[in-house]
Amino acid sequence: IITQSRIYHYFYLFINIGALVGQIGMVY
């Protein structure tokens, strides 16, 4: 459970890196 939690936290981190770069770049 801790392993899965760590993976999903960093999985979500990757999601939000993609979202952040995509959203900032696309609105400009």
mmCIF file of all heavy atoms, coordinates in Angstrom:
data_MODEL
# 
_entry.id   MODEL 
# 
loop_
_atom_site.group_PDB 
_atom_site.id 
_atom_site.type_symbol 
_atom_site.label_atom_id 
_atom_site.label_alt_id 
_atom_site.label_comp_id 
_atom_site.label_asym_id 
_atom_site.label_entity_id 
_atom_site.label_seq_id 
_atom_site.pdbx_PDB_ins_code 
_atom_site.Cartn_x 
_atom_site.Cartn_y 
_atom_site.Cartn_z 
_atom_site.occupancy 
_atom_site.B_iso_or_equiv 
_atom_site.pdbx_formal_charge 
_atom_site.auth_seq_id 
_atom_site.auth_comp_id 
_atom_site.auth_asym_id 
_atom_site.auth_atom_id 
_atom_site.pdbx_PDB_model_num 
ATOM 1   N N   . ILE A 1 1  ? 0.838  -1.203 0.000   1.00 0.00 ? 1  ILE A N   1 
ATOM 2   C CA  . ILE A 1 1  ? 0.000  0.000  0.000   1.00 0.00 ? 1  ILE A CA  1 
ATOM 3   C C   . ILE A 1 1  ? 0.869  1.248  0.000   1.00 0.00 ? 1  ILE A C   1 
ATOM 4   O O   . ILE A 1 1  ? 0.604  2.214  -0.730  1.00 0.00 ? 1  ILE A O   1 
ATOM 5   C CB  . ILE A 1 1  ? -0.955 0.001  1.213   1.00 0.00 ? 1  ILE A CB  1 
ATOM 6   C CG1 . ILE A 1 1  ? -1.830 -1.252 1.174   1.00 0.00 ? 1  ILE A CG1 1 
ATOM 7   C CG2 . ILE A 1 1  ? -1.820 1.251  1.206   1.00 0.00 ? 1  ILE A CG2 1 
ATOM 8   C CD1 . ILE A 1 1  ? -2.634 -1.420 -0.092  1.00 0.00 ? 1  ILE A CD1 1 
ATOM 9   N N   . ILE A 1 2  ? 1.936  1.243  0.799   1.00 0.00 ? 2  ILE A N   1 
ATOM 10  C CA  . ILE A 1 2  ? 2.861  2.380  0.789   1.00 0.00 ? 2  ILE A CA  1 
ATOM 11  C C   . ILE A 1 2  ? 3.549  2.471  -0.571  1.00 0.00 ? 2  ILE A C   1 
ATOM 12  O O   . ILE A 1 2  ? 3.744  3.562  -1.119  1.00 0.00 ? 2  ILE A O   1 
ATOM 13  C CB  . ILE A 1 2  ? 3.891  2.239  1.927   1.00 0.00 ? 2  ILE A CB  1 
ATOM 14  C CG1 . ILE A 1 2  ? 3.197  2.376  3.289   1.00 0.00 ? 2  ILE A CG1 1 
ATOM 15  C CG2 . ILE A 1 2  ? 4.989  3.283  1.794   1.00 0.00 ? 2  ILE A CG2 1 
ATOM 16  C CD1 . ILE A 1 2  ? 4.119  2.160  4.468   1.00 0.00 ? 2  ILE A CD1 1 
ATOM 17  N N   . THR A 1 3  ? 3.904  1.312  -1.126  1.00 0.00 ? 3  THR A N   1 
ATOM 18  C CA  . THR A 1 3  ? 4.532  1.296  -2.451  1.00 0.00 ? 3  THR A CA  1 
ATOM 19  C C   . THR A 1 3  ? 3.593  1.863  -3.506  1.00 0.00 ? 3  THR A C   1 
ATOM 20  O O   . THR A 1 3  ? 3.973  2.715  -4.316  1.00 0.00 ? 3  THR A O   1 
ATOM 21  C CB  . THR A 1 3  ? 4.928  -0.143 -2.836  1.00 0.00 ? 3  THR A CB  1 
ATOM 22  O OG1 . THR A 1 3  ? 5.716  -0.713 -1.793  1.00 0.00 ? 3  THR A OG1 1 
ATOM 23  C CG2 . THR A 1 3  ? 5.706  -0.157 -4.136  1.00 0.00 ? 3  THR A CG2 1 
ATOM 24  N N   . GLN A 1 4  ? 2.364  1.393  -3.497  1.00 0.00 ? 4  GLN A N   1 
ATOM 25  C CA  . GLN A 1 4  ? 1.380  1.886  -4.464  1.00 0.00 ? 4  GLN A CA  1 
ATOM 26  C C   . GLN A 1 4  ? 1.117  3.379  -4.258  1.00 0.00 ? 4  GLN A C   1 
ATOM 27  O O   . GLN A 1 4  ? 0.993  4.138  -5.225  1.00 0.00 ? 4  GLN A O   1 
ATOM 28  C CB  . GLN A 1 4  ? 0.077  1.098  -4.323  1.00 0.00 ? 4  GLN A CB  1 
ATOM 29  C CG  . GLN A 1 4  ? 0.184  -0.346 -4.767  1.00 0.00 ? 4  GLN A CG  1 
ATOM 30  C CD  . GLN A 1 4  ? -0.943 -1.214 -4.235  1.00 0.00 ? 4  GLN A CD  1 
ATOM 31  O OE1 . GLN A 1 4  ? -1.995 -0.704 -3.832  1.00 0.00 ? 4  GLN A OE1 1 
ATOM 32  N NE2 . GLN A 1 4  ? -0.735 -2.525 -4.222  1.00 0.00 ? 4  GLN A NE2 1 
ATOM 33  N N   . SER A 1 5  ? 1.052  3.795  -2.986  1.00 0.00 ? 5  SER A N   1 
ATOM 34  C CA  . SER A 1 5  ? 0.836  5.213  -2.695  1.00 0.00 ? 5  SER A CA  1 
ATOM 35  C C   . SER A 1 5  ? 1.970  6.056  -3.255  1.00 0.00 ? 5  SER A C   1 
ATOM 36  O O   . SER A 1 5  ? 1.741  7.104  -3.871  1.00 0.00 ? 5  SER A O   1 
ATOM 37  C CB  . SER A 1 5  ? 0.718  5.414  -1.175  1.00 0.00 ? 5  SER A CB  1 
ATOM 38  O OG  . SER A 1 5  ? 0.571  6.780  -0.868  1.00 0.00 ? 5  SER A OG  1 
ATOM 39  N N   . ARG A 1 6  ? 3.210  5.597  -3.050  1.00 0.00 ? 6  ARG A N   1 
ATOM 40  C CA  . ARG A 1 6  ? 4.358  6.353  -3.577  1.00 0.00 ? 6  ARG A CA  1 
ATOM 41  C C   . ARG A 1 6  ? 4.296  6.418  -5.095  1.00 0.00 ? 6  ARG A C   1 
ATOM 42  O O   . ARG A 1 6  ? 4.514  7.479  -5.698  1.00 0.00 ? 6  ARG A O   1 
ATOM 43  C CB  . ARG A 1 6  ? 5.659  5.698  -3.111  1.00 0.00 ? 6  ARG A CB  1 
ATOM 44  C CG  . ARG A 1 6  ? 6.904  6.233  -3.814  1.00 0.00 ? 6  ARG A CG  1 
ATOM 45  C CD  . ARG A 1 6  ? 8.154  5.916  -3.038  1.00 0.00 ? 6  ARG A CD  1 
ATOM 46  N NE  . ARG A 1 6  ? 8.209  6.703  -1.811  1.00 0.00 ? 6  ARG A NE  1 
ATOM 47  C CZ  . ARG A 1 6  ? 9.202  6.637  -0.937  1.00 0.00 ? 6  ARG A CZ  1 
ATOM 48  N NH1 . ARG A 1 6  ? 10.194 5.788  -1.130  1.00 0.00 ? 6  ARG A NH1 1 
ATOM 49  N NH2 . ARG A 1 6  ? 9.197  7.393  0.139   1.00 0.00 ? 6  ARG A NH2 1 
ATOM 50  N N   . ILE A 1 7  ? 4.009  5.283  -5.743  1.00 0.00 ? 7  ILE A N   1 
ATOM 51  C CA  . ILE A 1 7  ? 3.944  5.273  -7.205  1.00 0.00 ? 7  ILE A CA  1 
ATOM 52  C C   . ILE A 1 7  ? 2.861  6.220  -7.698  1.00 0.00 ? 7  ILE A C   1 
ATOM 53  O O   . ILE A 1 7  ? 3.083  7.031  -8.606  1.00 0.00 ? 7  ILE A O   1 
ATOM 54  C CB  . ILE A 1 7  ? 3.684  3.844  -7.728  1.00 0.00 ? 7  ILE A CB  1 
ATOM 55  C CG1 . ILE A 1 7  ? 4.912  2.974  -7.510  1.00 0.00 ? 7  ILE A CG1 1 
ATOM 56  C CG2 . ILE A 1 7  ? 3.320  3.865  -9.215  1.00 0.00 ? 7  ILE A CG2 1 
ATOM 57  C CD1 . ILE A 1 7  ? 4.694  1.513  -7.828  1.00 0.00 ? 7  ILE A CD1 1 
ATOM 58  N N   . TYR A 1 8  ? 1.677  6.144  -7.084  1.00 0.00 ? 8  TYR A N   1 
ATOM 59  C CA  . TYR A 1 8  ? 0.581  6.994  -7.552  1.00 0.00 ? 8  TYR A CA  1 
ATOM 60  C C   . TYR A 1 8  ? 0.826  8.464  -7.247  1.00 0.00 ? 8  TYR A C   1 
ATOM 61  O O   . TYR A 1 8  ? 0.396  9.343  -8.006  1.00 0.00 ? 8  TYR A O   1 
ATOM 62  C CB  . TYR A 1 8  ? -0.743 6.524  -6.959  1.00 0.00 ? 8  TYR A CB  1 
ATOM 63  C CG  . TYR A 1 8  ? -1.365 5.399  -7.748  1.00 0.00 ? 8  TYR A CG  1 
ATOM 64  C CD1 . TYR A 1 8  ? -1.778 4.220  -7.128  1.00 0.00 ? 8  TYR A CD1 1 
ATOM 65  C CD2 . TYR A 1 8  ? -1.537 5.494  -9.118  1.00 0.00 ? 8  TYR A CD2 1 
ATOM 66  C CE1 . TYR A 1 8  ? -2.335 3.176  -7.854  1.00 0.00 ? 8  TYR A CE1 1 
ATOM 67  C CE2 . TYR A 1 8  ? -2.095 4.462  -9.850  1.00 0.00 ? 8  TYR A CE2 1 
ATOM 68  C CZ  . TYR A 1 8  ? -2.493 3.310  -9.206  1.00 0.00 ? 8  TYR A CZ  1 
ATOM 69  O OH  . TYR A 1 8  ? -3.042 2.289  -9.941  1.00 0.00 ? 8  TYR A OH  1 
ATOM 70  N N   . HIS A 1 9  ? 1.513  8.781  -6.152  1.00 0.00 ? 9  HIS A N   1 
ATOM 71  C CA  . HIS A 1 9  ? 1.840  10.184 -5.884  1.00 0.00 ? 9  HIS A CA  1 
ATOM 72  C C   . HIS A 1 9  ? 2.767  10.728 -6.966  1.00 0.00 ? 9  HIS A C   1 
ATOM 73  O O   . HIS A 1 9  ? 2.558  11.841 -7.475  1.00 0.00 ? 9  HIS A O   1 
ATOM 74  C CB  . HIS A 1 9  ? 2.473  10.325 -4.501  1.00 0.00 ? 9  HIS A CB  1 
ATOM 75  C CG  . HIS A 1 9  ? 1.474  10.486 -3.404  1.00 0.00 ? 9  HIS A CG  1 
ATOM 76  N ND1 . HIS A 1 9  ? 0.696  9.442  -2.946  1.00 0.00 ? 9  HIS A ND1 1 
ATOM 77  C CD2 . HIS A 1 9  ? 1.089  11.572 -2.678  1.00 0.00 ? 9  HIS A CD2 1 
ATOM 78  C CE1 . HIS A 1 9  ? -0.103 9.873  -1.994  1.00 0.00 ? 9  HIS A CE1 1 
ATOM 79  N NE2 . HIS A 1 9  ? 0.116  11.158 -1.810  1.00 0.00 ? 9  HIS A NE2 1 
ATOM 80  N N   . TYR A 1 10 ? 3.778  9.955  -7.341  1.00 0.00 ? 10 TYR A N   1 
ATOM 81  C CA  . TYR A 1 10 ? 4.696  10.446 -8.373  1.00 0.00 ? 10 TYR A CA  1 
ATOM 82  C C   . TYR A 1 10 ? 4.092  10.318 -9.768  1.00 0.00 ? 10 TYR A C   1 
ATOM 83  O O   . TYR A 1 10 ? 4.418  11.107 -10.671 1.00 0.00 ? 10 TYR A O   1 
ATOM 84  C CB  . TYR A 1 10 ? 6.040  9.743  -8.237  1.00 0.00 ? 10 TYR A CB  1 
ATOM 85  C CG  . TYR A 1 10 ? 6.798  10.293 -7.052  1.00 0.00 ? 10 TYR A CG  1 
ATOM 86  C CD1 . TYR A 1 10 ? 6.731  9.676  -5.805  1.00 0.00 ? 10 TYR A CD1 1 
ATOM 87  C CD2 . TYR A 1 10 ? 7.513  11.488 -7.150  1.00 0.00 ? 10 TYR A CD2 1 
ATOM 88  C CE1 . TYR A 1 10 ? 7.377  10.216 -4.707  1.00 0.00 ? 10 TYR A CE1 1 
ATOM 89  C CE2 . TYR A 1 10 ? 8.165  12.031 -6.050  1.00 0.00 ? 10 TYR A CE2 1 
ATOM 90  C CZ  . TYR A 1 10 ? 8.100  11.388 -4.830  1.00 0.00 ? 10 TYR A CZ  1 
ATOM 91  O OH  . TYR A 1 10 ? 8.732  11.938 -3.746  1.00 0.00 ? 10 TYR A OH  1 
ATOM 92  N N   . PHE A 1 11 ? 3.208  9.362  -9.950  1.00 0.00 ? 11 PHE A N   1 
ATOM 93  C CA  . PHE A 1 11 ? 2.416  9.293  -11.175 1.00 0.00 ? 11 PHE A CA  1 
ATOM 94  C C   . PHE A 1 11 ? 1.591  10.573 -11.325 1.00 0.00 ? 11 PHE A C   1 
ATOM 95  O O   . PHE A 1 11 ? 1.563  11.191 -12.392 1.00 0.00 ? 11 PHE A O   1 
ATOM 96  C CB  . PHE A 1 11 ? 1.503  8.063  -11.093 1.00 0.00 ? 11 PHE A CB  1 
ATOM 97  C CG  . PHE A 1 11 ? 0.569  7.863  -12.253 1.00 0.00 ? 11 PHE A CG  1 
ATOM 98  C CD1 . PHE A 1 11 ? 1.045  7.527  -13.507 1.00 0.00 ? 11 PHE A CD1 1 
ATOM 99  C CD2 . PHE A 1 11 ? -0.801 7.960  -12.079 1.00 0.00 ? 11 PHE A CD2 1 
ATOM 100 C CE1 . PHE A 1 11 ? 0.181  7.305  -14.573 1.00 0.00 ? 11 PHE A CE1 1 
ATOM 101 C CE2 . PHE A 1 11 ? -1.673 7.744  -13.125 1.00 0.00 ? 11 PHE A CE2 1 
ATOM 102 C CZ  . PHE A 1 11 ? -1.183 7.420  -14.379 1.00 0.00 ? 11 PHE A CZ  1 
ATOM 103 N N   . TYR A 1 12 ? 0.958  10.999 -10.239 1.00 0.00 ? 12 TYR A N   1 
ATOM 104 C CA  . TYR A 1 12 ? 0.164  12.232 -10.251 1.00 0.00 ? 12 TYR A CA  1 
ATOM 105 C C   . TYR A 1 12 ? 1.068  13.445 -10.418 1.00 0.00 ? 12 TYR A C   1 
ATOM 106 O O   . TYR A 1 12 ? 0.664  14.452 -11.012 1.00 0.00 ? 12 TYR A O   1 
ATOM 107 C CB  . TYR A 1 12 ? -0.631 12.332 -8.955  1.00 0.00 ? 12 TYR A CB  1 
ATOM 108 C CG  . TYR A 1 12 ? -1.971 13.019 -9.097  1.00 0.00 ? 12 TYR A CG  1 
ATOM 109 C CD1 . TYR A 1 12 ? -3.045 12.379 -9.706  1.00 0.00 ? 12 TYR A CD1 1 
ATOM 110 C CD2 . TYR A 1 12 ? -2.184 14.307 -8.605  1.00 0.00 ? 12 TYR A CD2 1 
ATOM 111 C CE1 . TYR A 1 12 ? -4.277 12.989 -9.826  1.00 0.00 ? 12 TYR A CE1 1 
ATOM 112 C CE2 . TYR A 1 12 ? -3.418 14.933 -8.720  1.00 0.00 ? 12 TYR A CE2 1 
ATOM 113 C CZ  . TYR A 1 12 ? -4.458 14.273 -9.335  1.00 0.00 ? 12 TYR A CZ  1 
ATOM 114 O OH  . TYR A 1 12 ? -5.676 14.891 -9.460  1.00 0.00 ? 12 TYR A OH  1 
ATOM 115 N N   . LEU A 1 13 ? 2.287  13.367 -9.888  1.00 0.00 ? 13 LEU A N   1 
ATOM 116 C CA  . LEU A 1 13 ? 3.255  14.446 -10.090 1.00 0.00 ? 13 LEU A CA  1 
ATOM 117 C C   . LEU A 1 13 ? 3.567  14.597 -11.575 1.00 0.00 ? 13 LEU A C   1 
ATOM 118 O O   . LEU A 1 13 ? 3.578  15.718 -12.111 1.00 0.00 ? 13 LEU A O   1 
ATOM 119 C CB  . LEU A 1 13 ? 4.526  14.149 -9.297  1.00 0.00 ? 13 LEU A CB  1 
ATOM 120 C CG  . LEU A 1 13 ? 5.657  15.183 -9.415  1.00 0.00 ? 13 LEU A CG  1 
ATOM 121 C CD1 . LEU A 1 13 ? 5.254  16.497 -8.771  1.00 0.00 ? 13 LEU A CD1 1 
ATOM 122 C CD2 . LEU A 1 13 ? 6.932  14.653 -8.773  1.00 0.00 ? 13 LEU A CD2 1 
ATOM 123 N N   . PHE A 1 14 ? 3.802  13.478 -12.265 1.00 0.00 ? 14 PHE A N   1 
ATOM 124 C CA  . PHE A 1 14 ? 4.044  13.517 -13.708 1.00 0.00 ? 14 PHE A CA  1 
ATOM 125 C C   . PHE A 1 14 ? 2.824  14.099 -14.433 1.00 0.00 ? 14 PHE A C   1 
ATOM 126 O O   . PHE A 1 14 ? 2.979  14.866 -15.380 1.00 0.00 ? 14 PHE A O   1 
ATOM 127 C CB  . PHE A 1 14 ? 4.353  12.113 -14.233 1.00 0.00 ? 14 PHE A CB  1 
ATOM 128 C CG  . PHE A 1 14 ? 5.809  11.740 -14.172 1.00 0.00 ? 14 PHE A CG  1 
ATOM 129 C CD1 . PHE A 1 14 ? 6.458  11.605 -12.956 1.00 0.00 ? 14 PHE A CD1 1 
ATOM 130 C CD2 . PHE A 1 14 ? 6.527  11.520 -15.324 1.00 0.00 ? 14 PHE A CD2 1 
ATOM 131 C CE1 . PHE A 1 14 ? 7.791  11.257 -12.887 1.00 0.00 ? 14 PHE A CE1 1 
ATOM 132 C CE2 . PHE A 1 14 ? 7.875  11.172 -15.281 1.00 0.00 ? 14 PHE A CE2 1 
ATOM 133 C CZ  . PHE A 1 14 ? 8.515  11.035 -14.054 1.00 0.00 ? 14 PHE A CZ  1 
ATOM 134 N N   . ILE A 1 15 ? 1.637  13.695 -14.002 1.00 0.00 ? 15 ILE A N   1 
ATOM 135 C CA  . ILE A 1 15 ? 0.410  14.232 -14.607 1.00 0.00 ? 15 ILE A CA  1 
ATOM 136 C C   . ILE A 1 15 ? 0.407  15.754 -14.536 1.00 0.00 ? 15 ILE A C   1 
ATOM 137 O O   . ILE A 1 15 ? 0.112  16.447 -15.521 1.00 0.00 ? 15 ILE A O   1 
ATOM 138 C CB  . ILE A 1 15 ? -0.837 13.672 -13.888 1.00 0.00 ? 15 ILE A CB  1 
ATOM 139 C CG1 . ILE A 1 15 ? -1.069 12.209 -14.266 1.00 0.00 ? 15 ILE A CG1 1 
ATOM 140 C CG2 . ILE A 1 15 ? -2.082 14.498 -14.218 1.00 0.00 ? 15 ILE A CG2 1 
ATOM 141 C CD1 . ILE A 1 15 ? -2.188 11.545 -13.484 1.00 0.00 ? 15 ILE A CD1 1 
ATOM 142 N N   . ASN A 1 16 ? 0.758  16.278 -13.374 1.00 0.00 ? 16 ASN A N   1 
ATOM 143 C CA  . ASN A 1 16 ? 0.656  17.723 -13.185 1.00 0.00 ? 16 ASN A CA  1 
ATOM 144 C C   . ASN A 1 16 ? 1.820  18.490 -13.784 1.00 0.00 ? 16 ASN A C   1 
ATOM 145 O O   . ASN A 1 16 ? 1.669  19.668 -14.110 1.00 0.00 ? 16 ASN A O   1 
ATOM 146 C CB  . ASN A 1 16 ? 0.487  18.023 -11.696 1.00 0.00 ? 16 ASN A CB  1 
ATOM 147 C CG  . ASN A 1 16 ? -0.922 17.748 -11.233 1.00 0.00 ? 16 ASN A CG  1 
ATOM 148 O OD1 . ASN A 1 16 ? -1.817 18.561 -11.412 1.00 0.00 ? 16 ASN A OD1 1 
ATOM 149 N ND2 . ASN A 1 16 ? -1.138 16.566 -10.664 1.00 0.00 ? 16 ASN A ND2 1 
ATOM 150 N N   . ILE A 1 17 ? 2.969  17.836 -13.961 1.00 0.00 ? 17 ILE A N   1 
ATOM 151 C CA  . ILE A 1 17 ? 4.026  18.471 -14.751 1.00 0.00 ? 17 ILE A CA  1 
ATOM 152 C C   . ILE A 1 17 ? 3.545  18.635 -16.187 1.00 0.00 ? 17 ILE A C   1 
ATOM 153 O O   . ILE A 1 17 ? 3.687  19.705 -16.797 1.00 0.00 ? 17 ILE A O   1 
ATOM 154 C CB  . ILE A 1 17 ? 5.324  17.635 -14.688 1.00 0.00 ? 17 ILE A CB  1 
ATOM 155 C CG1 . ILE A 1 17 ? 5.936  17.692 -13.286 1.00 0.00 ? 17 ILE A CG1 1 
ATOM 156 C CG2 . ILE A 1 17 ? 6.330  18.136 -15.723 1.00 0.00 ? 17 ILE A CG2 1 
ATOM 157 C CD1 . ILE A 1 17 ? 7.104  16.739 -13.088 1.00 0.00 ? 17 ILE A CD1 1 
ATOM 158 N N   . GLY A 1 18 ? 2.941  17.566 -16.731 1.00 0.00 ? 18 GLY A N   1 
ATOM 159 C CA  . GLY A 1 18 ? 2.385  17.658 -18.080 1.00 0.00 ? 18 GLY A CA  1 
ATOM 160 C C   . GLY A 1 18 ? 1.293  18.712 -18.174 1.00 0.00 ? 18 GLY A C   1 
ATOM 161 O O   . GLY A 1 18 ? 1.253  19.508 -19.113 1.00 0.00 ? 18 GLY A O   1 
ATOM 162 N N   . ALA A 1 19 ? 0.416  18.730 -17.171 1.00 0.00 ? 19 ALA A N   1 
ATOM 163 C CA  . ALA A 1 19 ? -0.685 19.700 -17.174 1.00 0.00 ? 19 ALA A CA  1 
ATOM 164 C C   . ALA A 1 19 ? -0.161 21.129 -17.063 1.00 0.00 ? 19 ALA A C   1 
ATOM 165 O O   . ALA A 1 19 ? -0.631 22.036 -17.769 1.00 0.00 ? 19 ALA A O   1 
ATOM 166 C CB  . ALA A 1 19 ? -1.637 19.396 -16.020 1.00 0.00 ? 19 ALA A CB  1 
ATOM 167 N N   . LEU A 1 20 ? 0.826  21.335 -16.191 1.00 0.00 ? 20 LEU A N   1 
ATOM 168 C CA  . LEU A 1 20 ? 1.361  22.681 -15.984 1.00 0.00 ? 20 LEU A CA  1 
ATOM 169 C C   . LEU A 1 20 ? 2.024  23.208 -17.245 1.00 0.00 ? 20 LEU A C   1 
ATOM 170 O O   . LEU A 1 20 ? 1.724  24.327 -17.696 1.00 0.00 ? 20 LEU A O   1 
ATOM 171 C CB  . LEU A 1 20 ? 2.361  22.668 -14.824 1.00 0.00 ? 20 LEU A CB  1 
ATOM 172 C CG  . LEU A 1 20 ? 3.002  24.014 -14.461 1.00 0.00 ? 20 LEU A CG  1 
ATOM 173 C CD1 . LEU A 1 20 ? 1.951  24.969 -13.935 1.00 0.00 ? 20 LEU A CD1 1 
ATOM 174 C CD2 . LEU A 1 20 ? 4.112  23.834 -13.435 1.00 0.00 ? 20 LEU A CD2 1 
ATOM 175 N N   . VAL A 1 21 ? 2.913  22.409 -17.826 1.00 0.00 ? 21 VAL A N   1 
ATOM 176 C CA  . VAL A 1 21 ? 3.612  22.849 -19.040 1.00 0.00 ? 21 VAL A CA  1 
ATOM 177 C C   . VAL A 1 21 ? 2.613  23.049 -20.175 1.00 0.00 ? 21 VAL A C   1 
ATOM 178 O O   . VAL A 1 21 ? 2.663  24.049 -20.905 1.00 0.00 ? 21 VAL A O   1 
ATOM 179 C CB  . VAL A 1 21 ? 4.692  21.822 -19.441 1.00 0.00 ? 21 VAL A CB  1 
ATOM 180 C CG1 . VAL A 1 21 ? 5.341  22.217 -20.762 1.00 0.00 ? 21 VAL A CG1 1 
ATOM 181 C CG2 . VAL A 1 21 ? 5.755  21.718 -18.351 1.00 0.00 ? 21 VAL A CG2 1 
ATOM 182 N N   . GLY A 1 22 ? 1.676  22.101 -20.302 1.00 0.00 ? 22 GLY A N   1 
ATOM 183 C CA  . GLY A 1 22 ? 0.690  22.200 -21.366 1.00 0.00 ? 22 GLY A CA  1 
ATOM 184 C C   . GLY A 1 22 ? -0.210 23.412 -21.222 1.00 0.00 ? 22 GLY A C   1 
ATOM 185 O O   . GLY A 1 22 ? -0.409 24.170 -22.178 1.00 0.00 ? 22 GLY A O   1 
ATOM 186 N N   . GLN A 1 23 ? -0.693 23.635 -20.024 1.00 0.00 ? 23 GLN A N   1 
ATOM 187 C CA  . GLN A 1 23 ? -1.643 24.728 -19.822 1.00 0.00 ? 23 GLN A CA  1 
ATOM 188 C C   . GLN A 1 23 ? -0.981 26.094 -19.964 1.00 0.00 ? 23 GLN A C   1 
ATOM 189 O O   . GLN A 1 23 ? -1.535 27.003 -20.587 1.00 0.00 ? 23 GLN A O   1 
ATOM 190 C CB  . GLN A 1 23 ? -2.312 24.582 -18.453 1.00 0.00 ? 23 GLN A CB  1 
ATOM 191 C CG  . GLN A 1 23 ? -3.257 23.401 -18.397 1.00 0.00 ? 23 GLN A CG  1 
ATOM 192 C CD  . GLN A 1 23 ? -3.953 23.236 -17.057 1.00 0.00 ? 23 GLN A CD  1 
ATOM 193 O OE1 . GLN A 1 23 ? -4.958 22.557 -16.951 1.00 0.00 ? 23 GLN A OE1 1 
ATOM 194 N NE2 . GLN A 1 23 ? -3.400 23.827 -16.019 1.00 0.00 ? 23 GLN A NE2 1 
ATOM 195 N N   . ILE A 1 24 ? 0.204  26.260 -19.375 1.00 0.00 ? 24 ILE A N   1 
ATOM 196 C CA  . ILE A 1 24 ? 0.869  27.562 -19.476 1.00 0.00 ? 24 ILE A CA  1 
ATOM 197 C C   . ILE A 1 24 ? 1.251  27.838 -20.928 1.00 0.00 ? 24 ILE A C   1 
ATOM 198 O O   . ILE A 1 24 ? 1.000  28.923 -21.465 1.00 0.00 ? 24 ILE A O   1 
ATOM 199 C CB  . ILE A 1 24 ? 2.109  27.616 -18.570 1.00 0.00 ? 24 ILE A CB  1 
ATOM 200 C CG1 . ILE A 1 24 ? 1.689  27.627 -17.099 1.00 0.00 ? 24 ILE A CG1 1 
ATOM 201 C CG2 . ILE A 1 24 ? 2.948  28.860 -18.875 1.00 0.00 ? 24 ILE A CG2 1 
ATOM 202 C CD1 . ILE A 1 24 ? 2.847  27.632 -16.133 1.00 0.00 ? 24 ILE A CD1 1 
ATOM 203 N N   . GLY A 1 25 ? 1.863  26.839 -21.568 1.00 0.00 ? 25 GLY A N   1 
ATOM 204 C CA  . GLY A 1 25 ? 2.272  27.053 -22.952 1.00 0.00 ? 25 GLY A CA  1 
ATOM 205 C C   . GLY A 1 25 ? 1.107  27.327 -23.874 1.00 0.00 ? 25 GLY A C   1 
ATOM 206 O O   . GLY A 1 25 ? 1.174  28.219 -24.727 1.00 0.00 ? 25 GLY A O   1 
ATOM 207 N N   . MET A 1 26 ? 0.008  26.600 -23.673 1.00 0.00 ? 26 MET A N   1 
ATOM 208 C CA  . MET A 1 26 ? -1.103 26.715 -24.619 1.00 0.00 ? 26 MET A CA  1 
ATOM 209 C C   . MET A 1 26 ? -1.883 28.021 -24.454 1.00 0.00 ? 26 MET A C   1 
ATOM 210 O O   . MET A 1 26 ? -2.377 28.576 -25.437 1.00 0.00 ? 26 MET A O   1 
ATOM 211 C CB  . MET A 1 26 ? -2.047 25.520 -24.478 1.00 0.00 ? 26 MET A CB  1 
ATOM 212 C CG  . MET A 1 26 ? -1.400 24.182 -24.821 1.00 0.00 ? 26 MET A CG  1 
ATOM 213 S SD  . MET A 1 26 ? -0.244 24.233 -26.202 1.00 0.00 ? 26 MET A SD  1 
ATOM 214 C CE  . MET A 1 26 ? 1.324  24.165 -25.338 1.00 0.00 ? 26 MET A CE  1 
ATOM 215 N N   . VAL A 1 27 ? -1.995 28.527 -23.228 1.00 0.00 ? 27 VAL A N   1 
ATOM 216 C CA  . VAL A 1 27 ? -2.748 29.776 -23.073 1.00 0.00 ? 27 VAL A CA  1 
ATOM 217 C C   . VAL A 1 27 ? -1.971 30.952 -23.652 1.00 0.00 ? 27 VAL A C   1 
ATOM 218 O O   . VAL A 1 27 ? -2.573 31.899 -24.191 1.00 0.00 ? 27 VAL A O   1 
ATOM 219 C CB  . VAL A 1 27 ? -3.129 30.031 -21.600 1.00 0.00 ? 27 VAL A CB  1 
ATOM 220 C CG1 . VAL A 1 27 ? -4.075 28.959 -21.098 1.00 0.00 ? 27 VAL A CG1 1 
ATOM 221 C CG2 . VAL A 1 27 ? -1.915 30.133 -20.698 1.00 0.00 ? 27 VAL A CG2 1 
ATOM 222 N N   . TYR A 1 28 ? -0.649 30.917 -23.575 1.00 0.00 ? 28 TYR A N   1 
ATOM 223 C CA  . TYR A 1 28 ? 0.125  31.988 -24.203 1.00 0.00 ? 28 TYR A CA  1 
ATOM 224 C C   . TYR A 1 28 ? 0.111  31.839 -25.722 1.00 0.00 ? 28 TYR A C   1 
ATOM 225 O O   . TYR A 1 28 ? 0.078  32.838 -26.448 1.00 0.00 ? 28 TYR A O   1 
ATOM 226 C CB  . TYR A 1 28 ? 1.556  32.003 -23.659 1.00 0.00 ? 28 TYR A CB  1 
ATOM 227 C CG  . TYR A 1 28 ? 1.660  32.740 -22.341 1.00 0.00 ? 28 TYR A CG  1 
ATOM 228 C CD1 . TYR A 1 28 ? 1.689  32.044 -21.136 1.00 0.00 ? 28 TYR A CD1 1 
ATOM 229 C CD2 . TYR A 1 28 ? 1.685  34.137 -22.303 1.00 0.00 ? 28 TYR A CD2 1 
ATOM 230 C CE1 . TYR A 1 28 ? 1.755  32.707 -19.924 1.00 0.00 ? 28 TYR A CE1 1 
ATOM 231 C CE2 . TYR A 1 28 ? 1.755  34.813 -21.094 1.00 0.00 ? 28 TYR A CE2 1 
ATOM 232 C CZ  . TYR A 1 28 ? 1.786  34.096 -19.897 1.00 0.00 ? 28 TYR A CZ  1 
ATOM 233 O OH  . TYR A 1 28 ? 1.843  34.775 -18.704 1.00 0.00 ? 28 TYR A OH  1 
# 
